[in-house]
Amino acid sequence: MNETPRLNRREALRWIAAASATITMLDAPAFGATKQAKGYGSDPNLMEVYKPGDFWPLTFTAGQRATATVLCDTILPADDRSPSASQLKVPDFVDEWISAPYPVQQADRKTILKGLAWLDRESKKRFGKRFAGIADAQRVQICDDICYLPRARTSFQEAARFFARFRSIAVGAFYSTPEGMRDIQYVGNVPLAKFDGPPPEVLAFLKLKS
């Protein structure tokens, strides 16, 4: 697997701040909240340029990064509308996310690292290779067993919880990129040549007049 250029640290910090609002199932503000950050010093100045380790060391080893990368691409593969998750540097985002010193991210760190190790063990048990080295169909076979917690076997329950959390982080990161937003046809705050107001059926439902 070819090593892709790493995400610029300043871009990573901005991305974490932006994506925090889109990642699902967070119990509290995850990044930069004053109460959460107490004891860790001031939050990063996102206008500065940082090198890896300037604020916190990154977590993934080469093996963990390889596993996380193929899992990201299994969840969010390239298609005719958007690049794959790894092409958008989502694995870098996951690494930055679980490396941040805030309580939510540190809890996610334990979950993600334990889950990635489980994937490699399960892959070796079934196919004799680590998760990054098996075929796409074999990865899908493993993921199918853990992708939906209510249907996961008892022995796969913890792995299914990991998968759900990893998927939330990866998907939240992916769809906060410009490419991800285009994929779901989100227009955002852009000027329009003409605005005719809300559709008549919406006004009628709200009992408003145009």
Foldseek 3Di string as FASTA:
>chain_A
DDDDDADFPLVLLVLCVLLQVQQPDDPDRQAQDPVQCPPQDHHDDSVDGDDAPPRWHFDDDPLLLLLLLVLQCLLADDDPQFHGLVVVVLSNNLRVQLGDPGPVSVVLVVLQVVLQVVQQVVCCVVPNGGLSPDDSVSNVVVCVQQCDQVPHDPVCNSNNVSNVNSSSSSLSSQCSDPSNVVSVPNDPDDDDPDDPDDDPVVCVVVVHDD
